[in-house]
């Protein structure tokens, strides 16, 4: 039993209803927000957030209190912003929340499952709420639970489940109606390493094989790096950074050069030839402008009869990007304090 890919002729999770609406974003963006603001009393959760999210596997990052959960609740239409606007799949979250939620799945972080109900009954009920007839809802629930790694256990009461099994059930109910977009809030929370790896592989298949846009909120940068190809980073309720993961982790325009020889002399000659060169331990870093940088390094190594051991573009991990951003934030806050 497998979840049928969305590229087949099957309708949305076999949901057939007269008022079914195909979610067709008005632009290339699956989610758009403009000057979104939300506060709780004097506490500002989001401050003028404008962001565009494409059809992708998206990592939503930020420290505790950055505004991630608030943003998800606003995008689901569960809360109302103080000001600003947002749309999901082309539906306005203020005026069309019910129509929007027909096409959206949500896996909450909190353990909010009804414990005295079997997984099969619960996910089947969620499928019926989404519009499936009872028999089709049960078939679809069994199929989705199997795909999420809950097979015979689906007939057990969920109070008997481990944390990892509960996470799988929460994922199943989020995708049982075959949504266009699914919000996953800390999906690997409480899972052991093997279960976590299985969950991440499943999330990858949800996006890559089923074509469902995934917005994954997680404090585990490694999870985002393994699954996502686009990142949205929040900081104090504002947009700190966004873009394709490959662009964010690429070095800041640097080329890394490694040689056997006098490093300082080599750096000096590169500078004399008009390149922005500097030393970093045993490496030489060059500002990348175009491919001619590589030609200059090659020619200089020949002229100086120096063995060229390495020549590559610099790359970073997502953790490097995150820590750099946090460091910049700390420096800016310190500068503001001194200015005051």
Protein backbone atom coordinates (compact mmCIF):
# COMPACT_ATOMS: atom_id res chain seq x y z
CA UNK A 1 0.00 0.00 0.00
CA UNK A 2 1.50 3.32 -1.01
CA UNK A 3 0.36 6.88 -1.20
CA UNK A 4 -0.54 7.58 -4.80
CA UNK A 5 1.66 10.30 -6.36
CA UNK A 6 -0.12 13.50 -7.18
CA UNK A 7 0.95 13.25 -10.81
CA UNK A 8 -1.59 10.49 -11.43
CA UNK A 9 -5.19 11.05 -12.51
CA UNK A 10 -6.38 10.52 -8.96
CA UNK A 11 -8.13 13.55 -7.54
CA UNK A 12 -7.02 15.19 -4.31
CA UNK A 13 -6.62 12.16 -2.05
CA UNK A 14 -9.70 10.66 -3.77
CA UNK A 15 -11.78 13.50 -2.30
CA UNK A 16 -14.70 13.96 -4.67
CA UNK A 17 -17.10 16.72 -3.72
CA UNK A 18 -19.06 19.23 -5.72
CA UNK A 19 -17.49 22.24 -4.03
CA UNK A 20 -13.90 21.00 -4.40
CA UNK A 21 -11.59 23.81 -5.46
CA UNK A 22 -8.16 23.24 -6.94
CA UNK A 23 -5.64 25.38 -5.15
CA UNK A 24 -3.83 27.43 -7.76
CA UNK A 25 -1.53 30.12 -6.38
CA UNK A 26 -1.86 33.42 -8.21
CA UNK A 27 1.92 33.57 -8.60
CA UNK A 28 4.97 31.37 -8.24
CA UNK A 29 4.79 31.88 -4.47
CA UNK A 30 2.88 29.39 -2.32
CA UNK A 31 2.90 31.77 0.66
CA UNK A 32 3.11 35.57 0.64
CA UNK A 33 2.94 38.03 3.50
CA UNK A 34 3.12 41.82 3.49
CA UNK A 35 3.97 43.89 6.57
CA UNK A 36 2.53 41.21 8.83
CA UNK A 37 2.36 42.32 12.45
CA UNK A 38 1.20 40.41 15.52
CA UNK A 39 1.51 41.27 19.20
CA UNK A 40 0.38 39.76 22.48
CA UNK A 41 -0.18 42.72 24.74
CA UNK A 42 3.12 44.59 24.82
CA UNK A 43 5.06 41.67 23.38
CA UNK A 44 5.61 41.96 19.63
CA UNK A 45 5.76 38.51 18.00
CA UNK A 46 5.97 39.64 14.36
CA UNK A 47 7.00 43.12 13.26
CA UNK A 48 6.30 44.07 9.64
CA UNK A 49 7.12 40.63 8.22
CA UNK A 50 7.12 40.48 4.43
CA UNK A 51 8.16 37.14 2.97
CA UNK A 52 7.57 35.03 -0.11
CA UNK A 53 7.82 31.24 0.01
CA UNK A 54 8.07 29.16 -3.19
CA UNK A 55 6.94 25.62 -3.94
CA UNK A 56 9.76 23.80 -2.19
CA UNK A 57 10.81 21.96 0.94
CA UNK A 58 11.20 25.00 3.19
CA UNK A 59 13.02 25.21 6.51
CA UNK A 60 11.57 27.76 8.95
CA UNK A 61 14.35 28.69 11.38
CA UNK A 62 14.80 30.99 14.34
CA UNK A 63 15.54 31.01 18.05
CA UNK A 64 12.78 30.56 20.61
CA UNK A 65 10.61 33.64 20.45
CA UNK A 66 11.64 34.50 16.90
CA UNK A 67 8.02 34.26 15.71
CA UNK A 68 7.94 30.89 13.94
CA UNK A 69 4.87 29.47 15.71
CA UNK A 70 3.04 32.78 15.47
CA UNK A 71 3.69 32.93 11.73
CA UNK A 72 2.32 29.41 11.23
CA UNK A 73 -0.83 30.19 13.23
CA UNK A 74 -1.41 33.35 11.21
CA UNK A 75 -0.90 31.51 7.92
CA UNK A 76 -3.36 28.83 9.02
CA UNK A 77 -5.94 31.49 9.85
CA UNK A 78 -5.97 30.42 13.50
CA UNK A 79 -5.00 33.89 14.64
CA UNK A 80 -5.62 37.34 13.18
CA UNK A 81 -2.76 39.78 12.57
CA UNK A 82 -2.85 43.26 14.06
CA UNK A 83 -2.01 44.62 10.63
CA UNK A 84 -0.66 43.48 7.29
CA UNK A 85 -1.89 40.69 5.09
CA UNK A 86 -1.01 37.20 3.91
CA UNK A 87 -2.12 34.63 1.38
CA UNK A 88 -1.59 30.87 1.23
CA UNK A 89 -2.03 29.05 -2.08
CA UNK A 90 -3.64 32.22 -3.39
CA UNK A 91 -6.26 32.32 -0.62
CA UNK A 92 -6.36 35.33 1.69
CA UNK A 93 -5.89 34.09 5.26
CA UNK A 94 -8.24 36.75 6.65
CA UNK A 95 -11.16 36.33 4.27
CA UNK A 96 -10.81 32.75 2.98
CA UNK A 97 -9.42 30.67 5.87
CA UNK A 98 -11.79 27.72 5.42
CA UNK A 99 -11.22 27.40 1.68
CA UNK A 100 -7.48 27.67 2.27
CA UNK A 101 -7.45 24.96 4.94
CA UNK A 102 -9.07 22.49 2.53
CA UNK A 103 -5.71 22.42 0.78
CA UNK A 104 -3.37 22.64 3.78
CA UNK A 105 -2.15 20.12 6.35
CA UNK A 106 -0.77 20.88 9.80
CA UNK A 107 1.32 18.77 12.15
CA UNK A 108 1.45 20.61 15.50
CA UNK A 109 4.37 20.44 17.88
CA UNK A 110 2.17 19.83 20.92
CA UNK A 111 1.07 16.32 21.84
CA UNK A 112 -2.64 16.94 21.21
CA UNK A 113 -3.83 13.47 20.17
CA UNK A 114 -6.96 11.88 21.71
CA UNK A 115 -5.28 9.08 23.65
CA UNK A 116 -8.31 6.79 24.11
CA UNK A 117 -8.84 6.46 20.35
CA UNK A 118 -7.07 4.16 17.91
CA UNK A 119 -4.81 5.68 15.28
CA UNK A 120 -7.01 4.24 12.53
CA UNK A 121 -10.17 5.82 13.96
CA UNK A 122 -8.49 9.17 14.54
CA UNK A 123 -6.88 9.53 11.11
CA UNK A 124 -10.04 8.19 9.47
CA UNK A 125 -12.06 10.82 11.31
CA UNK A 126 -9.66 13.54 10.12
CA UNK A 127 -10.08 12.27 6.57
CA UNK A 128 -13.88 12.46 6.89
CA UNK A 129 -13.63 16.01 8.19
CA UNK A 130 -11.69 16.80 5.02
CA UNK A 131 -14.62 15.58 2.90
CA UNK A 132 -14.04 11.89 2.17
CA UNK A 133 -16.95 9.42 2.44
CA UNK A 134 -16.65 7.09 5.43
CA UNK A 135 -15.44 4.02 3.53
CA UNK A 136 -12.94 5.97 1.44
CA UNK A 137 -11.76 7.81 4.56
CA UNK A 138 -10.93 4.52 6.30
CA UNK A 139 -9.08 3.19 3.27
CA UNK A 140 -7.16 6.40 2.90
CA UNK A 141 -6.34 6.45 6.64
CA UNK A 142 -4.98 2.90 6.52
CA UNK A 143 -2.93 3.72 3.45
CA UNK A 144 -1.47 6.89 4.93
CA UNK A 145 -0.70 5.32 8.31
CA UNK A 146 1.10 2.47 6.56
CA UNK A 147 3.13 4.98 4.56
CA UNK A 148 4.04 6.79 7.80
CA UNK A 149 5.27 3.61 9.46
CA UNK A 150 2.17 2.77 11.51
CA UNK A 151 0.88 -0.61 10.31
CA UNK A 152 -0.79 -3.09 12.70
CA UNK A 153 -0.30 -0.61 15.52
CA UNK A 154 -3.03 1.53 13.97
CA UNK A 155 -5.65 -0.56 15.84
CA UNK A 156 -4.11 0.19 19.25
CA UNK A 157 -5.13 3.04 21.53
CA UNK A 158 -2.74 5.94 21.07
CA UNK A 159 -2.06 6.19 24.81
CA UNK A 160 0.04 3.04 24.32
CA UNK A 161 2.19 4.68 21.66
CA UNK A 162 5.75 5.92 22.11
CA UNK A 163 6.52 9.54 21.38
CA UNK A 164 7.90 8.57 18.00
CA UNK A 165 4.74 6.69 17.05
CA UNK A 166 2.61 9.65 18.06
CA UNK A 167 4.72 11.85 15.79
CA UNK A 168 4.01 9.48 12.90
CA UNK A 169 0.27 9.61 13.57
CA UNK A 170 0.37 13.40 13.65
CA UNK A 171 2.11 13.38 10.27
CA UNK A 172 -0.45 10.94 8.86
CA UNK A 173 -3.40 13.12 9.84
CA UNK A 174 -1.64 16.13 8.27
CA UNK A 175 -1.40 14.50 4.83
CA UNK A 176 -4.38 12.13 4.78
CA UNK A 177 -6.42 14.56 2.65
CA UNK A 178 -3.56 14.98 0.13
CA UNK A 179 -2.90 18.69 0.73
CA UNK A 180 -0.98 21.05 -1.53
CA UNK A 181 0.97 22.43 1.43
CA UNK A 182 1.79 21.00 4.84
CA UNK A 183 3.18 22.76 7.91
CA UNK A 184 5.36 20.48 10.06
CA UNK A 185 6.22 21.83 13.52
CA UNK A 186 9.19 19.97 15.06
CA UNK A 187 8.31 16.64 13.35
CA UNK A 188 11.28 14.70 14.78
CA UNK A 189 10.73 15.86 18.35
CA UNK A 190 11.24 12.98 20.82
CA UNK A 191 12.27 10.42 18.21
CA UNK A 192 15.29 8.15 18.52
CA UNK A 193 18.03 8.46 15.85
CA UNK A 194 16.66 5.65 13.67
CA UNK A 195 13.10 6.97 13.89
CA UNK A 196 14.32 10.48 13.17
CA UNK A 197 16.11 9.32 10.02
CA UNK A 198 12.99 7.48 8.87
CA UNK A 199 10.85 10.58 9.50
CA UNK A 200 13.21 12.80 7.52
CA UNK A 201 13.23 10.36 4.60
CA UNK A 202 9.44 10.30 4.67
CA UNK A 203 9.25 14.09 4.67
CA UNK A 204 11.60 14.16 1.70
CA UNK A 205 9.33 11.74 -0.18
CA UNK A 206 6.25 13.79 0.68
CA UNK A 207 7.78 16.71 -1.17
CA UNK A 208 9.78 14.99 -3.90
CA UNK A 209 7.40 12.16 -4.82
CA UNK A 210 4.00 13.57 -3.92
CA UNK A 211 4.71 17.16 -4.88
CA UNK A 212 3.51 18.60 -1.58
CA UNK A 213 5.12 21.86 -0.49
CA UNK A 214 6.62 21.35 2.97
CA UNK A 215 7.26 24.09 5.53
CA UNK A 216 9.36 22.50 8.26
CA UNK A 217 9.80 24.42 11.50
CA UNK A 218 12.67 22.96 13.51
CA UNK A 219 15.40 23.92 15.93
CA UNK A 220 17.55 21.10 14.52
CA UNK A 221 19.58 22.71 11.76
CA UNK A 222 20.77 19.33 10.54
CA UNK A 223 17.17 18.24 9.90
CA UNK A 224 16.56 21.31 7.77
CA UNK A 225 19.83 20.85 5.91
CA UNK A 226 19.01 17.20 5.12
CA UNK A 227 15.44 17.77 3.93
CA UNK A 228 14.98 21.35 2.77
CA UNK A 229 16.11 23.22 -0.31
CA UNK A 230 14.90 26.67 0.77
CA UNK A 231 15.30 28.50 4.09
CA UNK A 232 13.36 31.26 5.86
CA UNK A 233 15.09 32.56 8.99
CA UNK A 234 13.28 34.78 11.48
CA UNK A 235 14.86 36.99 14.11
CA UNK A 236 12.85 38.94 16.71
CA UNK A 237 9.76 38.77 14.54
CA UNK A 238 11.51 40.04 11.44
CA UNK A 239 12.88 38.36 8.35
CA UNK A 240 16.60 37.79 8.93
CA UNK A 241 17.48 35.75 5.87
CA UNK A 242 15.78 33.85 3.09
CA UNK A 243 16.76 32.05 -0.07
CA UNK A 244 17.76 28.70 -1.59
CA UNK A 245 19.84 26.62 0.80
CA UNK A 246 22.63 26.21 -1.76
CA UNK A 247 23.01 29.99 -2.02
CA UNK A 248 23.02 30.53 1.74
CA UNK A 249 25.65 27.90 2.52
CA UNK A 250 27.94 28.93 -0.30
CA UNK A 251 30.93 30.92 0.91
CA UNK A 252 30.70 34.68 0.80
CA UNK A 253 32.11 34.87 -2.71
CA UNK A 254 35.32 33.19 -1.56
CA UNK A 255 37.68 30.86 -3.38
CA UNK A 256 39.85 28.63 -1.17
CA UNK A 257 43.44 28.09 -2.35
CA UNK A 258 45.83 25.57 -0.81
CA UNK A 259 49.52 25.46 -1.78
CA UNK A 260 52.83 23.89 -0.78
CA UNK A 261 55.07 26.90 -0.40
CA UNK A 262 55.40 30.40 1.05
CA UNK A 263 51.77 31.34 1.74
CA UNK A 264 52.45 34.97 2.64
CA UNK A 265 54.47 35.51 -0.52
CA UNK A 266 51.75 33.92 -2.61
CA UNK A 267 49.10 36.15 -0.99
CA UNK A 268 51.22 39.24 -1.64
CA UNK A 269 51.61 38.38 -5.31
CA UNK A 270 47.88 37.74 -5.70
CA UNK A 271 47.22 41.16 -4.19
CA UNK A 272 49.75 42.69 -6.55
CA UNK A 273 47.78 41.19 -9.43
CA UNK A 274 44.65 42.98 -8.25
CA UNK A 275 42.93 40.19 -6.31
CA UNK A 276 41.38 40.54 -2.86
CA UNK A 277 43.47 37.86 -1.12
CA UNK A 278 43.92 37.08 2.56
CA UNK A 279 45.30 34.25 4.64
CA UNK A 280 43.22 31.96 6.88
CA UNK A 281 45.51 29.55 8.72
CA UNK A 282 46.98 27.35 5.96
CA UNK A 283 44.38 28.46 3.41
CA UNK A 284 44.27 31.48 1.13
CA UNK A 285 40.90 33.12 0.57
CA UNK A 286 40.11 35.08 -2.59
CA UNK A 287 37.04 37.18 -3.30
CA UNK A 288 35.27 35.55 -6.23
CA UNK A 289 34.30 37.85 -9.11
CA UNK A 290 34.36 35.58 -12.16
CA UNK A 291 36.14 32.53 -13.51
CA UNK A 292 39.28 34.55 -14.27
CA UNK A 293 40.21 34.22 -10.58
CA UNK A 294 41.05 30.56 -11.17
CA UNK A 295 43.23 31.45 -14.16
CA UNK A 296 45.25 33.95 -12.10
CA UNK A 297 45.87 31.39 -9.35
CA UNK A 298 46.91 28.74 -11.87
CA UNK A 299 49.30 31.08 -13.71
CA UNK A 300 50.87 32.33 -10.47
CA UNK A 301 51.47 28.79 -9.22
CA UNK A 302 53.29 28.06 -12.47
CA UNK A 303 55.31 31.30 -12.33
CA UNK A 304 56.43 30.65 -8.73
CA UNK A 305 56.85 26.90 -9.28
CA UNK A 306 54.48 26.27 -6.38
CA UNK A 307 52.49 23.05 -6.02
CA UNK A 308 48.77 23.86 -6.09
CA UNK A 309 47.08 21.39 -3.72
CA UNK A 310 43.53 22.75 -3.70
CA UNK A 311 41.35 25.27 -5.53
CA UNK A 312 37.62 25.40 -4.79
CA UNK A 313 34.69 27.61 -3.90
CA UNK A 314 34.16 27.92 -0.17
CA UNK A 315 31.08 26.26 1.35
CA UNK A 316 29.53 26.39 4.79
CA UNK A 317 27.00 24.41 6.75
CA UNK A 318 23.64 25.83 7.71
CA UNK A 319 24.92 25.94 11.28
CA UNK A 320 27.77 28.21 10.13
CA UNK A 321 25.25 30.54 8.48
CA UNK A 322 23.03 30.57 11.56
CA UNK A 323 25.88 31.19 14.00
CA UNK A 324 27.25 33.98 11.82
CA UNK A 325 23.85 35.63 11.78
CA UNK A 326 23.52 35.34 15.55
CA UNK A 327 27.02 36.79 15.97
CA UNK A 328 26.11 39.75 13.77
CA UNK A 329 22.95 40.25 15.81
CA UNK A 330 24.94 40.30 19.06
CA UNK A 331 27.42 42.83 17.63
CA UNK A 332 24.60 45.05 16.41
CA UNK A 333 22.88 44.96 19.80
CA UNK A 334 26.15 45.83 21.54
CA UNK A 335 26.71 48.72 19.13
CA UNK A 336 23.20 50.02 19.81
CA UNK A 337 23.80 49.88 23.55
CA UNK A 338 27.02 51.91 23.23
CA UNK A 339 25.24 54.38 20.93
CA UNK A 340 22.54 54.94 23.55
